[in-house]
Amino acid sequence: MEKTFMVGGMACENCVKAVTDAISAVPGVQKVDVSLADQCAKVTYDGKAADKEFIDAIEDMGYDFLGLK
């Protein structure tokens, strides 16, 4: 399964790494592509995690969840 989460507040490559690491820690995640230019995170996962787990991972790092693309 694949979903794209819009992420607000990213300003640099360190932000990209922080969001990537946080989302990667959610069980079942297979791949994460975070785009600074597009302010989004494209997540490929096994379909078992709830959207809230990804949203919490983003917000726990201090970034804003802006919706699904």
Protein backbone atom coordinates (compact mmCIF):
# COMPACT_ATOMS: atom_id res chain seq x y z
CA MET A 1 0.00 0.00 0.00
CA GLU A 2 1.19 3.53 -0.71
CA LYS A 3 0.11 6.91 0.72
CA THR A 4 1.48 10.42 0.47
CA PHE A 5 1.40 12.59 3.59
CA MET A 6 1.78 16.35 3.21
CA VAL A 7 4.29 17.67 5.77
CA GLY A 8 4.66 21.30 6.81
CA GLY A 9 7.64 22.91 8.46
CA MET A 10 10.51 21.16 6.70
CA ALA A 11 13.27 23.61 5.80
CA CYS A 12 16.43 21.58 5.13
CA GLU A 13 17.90 18.13 4.52
CA ASN A 14 18.12 17.54 8.29
CA CYS A 15 14.33 17.93 8.39
CA VAL A 16 14.00 15.39 5.58
CA LYS A 17 16.17 12.93 7.52
CA ALA A 18 14.20 13.46 10.73
CA VAL A 19 10.87 12.83 9.01
CA THR A 20 12.27 9.85 7.10
CA ASP A 21 13.65 8.28 10.29
CA ALA A 22 10.42 8.88 12.23
CA ILE A 23 8.18 7.37 9.58
CA SER A 24 10.59 4.48 8.99
CA ALA A 25 10.19 3.52 12.65
CA VAL A 26 6.48 2.78 12.17
CA PRO A 27 6.04 -1.02 12.00
CA GLY A 28 5.38 -2.34 8.50
CA VAL A 29 7.02 0.51 6.59
CA GLN A 30 8.89 -0.74 3.54
CA LYS A 31 10.00 2.52 1.90
CA VAL A 32 9.85 6.26 2.63
CA ASP A 33 10.57 9.02 0.12
CA VAL A 34 10.48 12.50 1.66
CA SER A 35 10.55 15.50 -0.68
CA LEU A 36 11.65 18.86 0.68
CA ALA A 37 10.54 20.62 -2.52
CA ASP A 38 7.06 19.08 -2.46
CA GLN A 39 6.77 19.08 1.36
CA CYS A 40 5.53 15.50 1.40
CA ALA A 41 6.40 11.96 2.44
CA LYS A 42 5.48 9.07 0.15
CA VAL A 43 5.20 5.92 2.26
CA THR A 44 5.06 2.34 1.05
CA TYR A 45 3.94 -0.06 3.76
CA ASP A 46 2.23 -3.39 4.39
CA GLY A 47 -1.19 -1.79 4.92
CA LYS A 48 -1.45 -2.71 8.61
CA ALA A 49 -0.48 0.66 10.11
CA ALA A 50 -3.18 3.27 10.63
CA ASP A 51 -2.82 6.78 9.20
CA LYS A 52 -2.69 8.07 12.79
CA GLU A 53 0.61 6.24 13.36
CA PHE A 54 2.23 8.13 10.49
CA ILE A 55 0.64 11.43 11.51
CA ASP A 56 1.85 10.97 15.10
CA ALA A 57 5.38 10.18 13.84
CA ILE A 58 5.41 13.40 11.80
CA GLU A 59 3.96 15.57 14.57
CA ASP A 60 6.13 14.04 17.31
CA MET A 61 9.16 15.35 15.38
CA GLY A 62 7.69 18.86 15.47
CA TYR A 63 6.38 19.01 11.91
CA ASP A 64 2.83 19.62 10.73
CA PHE A 65 0.58 17.06 9.06
CA LEU A 66 -1.20 18.98 6.29
CA GLY A 67 -3.33 16.19 4.83
CA LEU A 68 -3.12 13.31 2.41
CA LYS A 69 -2.26 13.89 -1.20
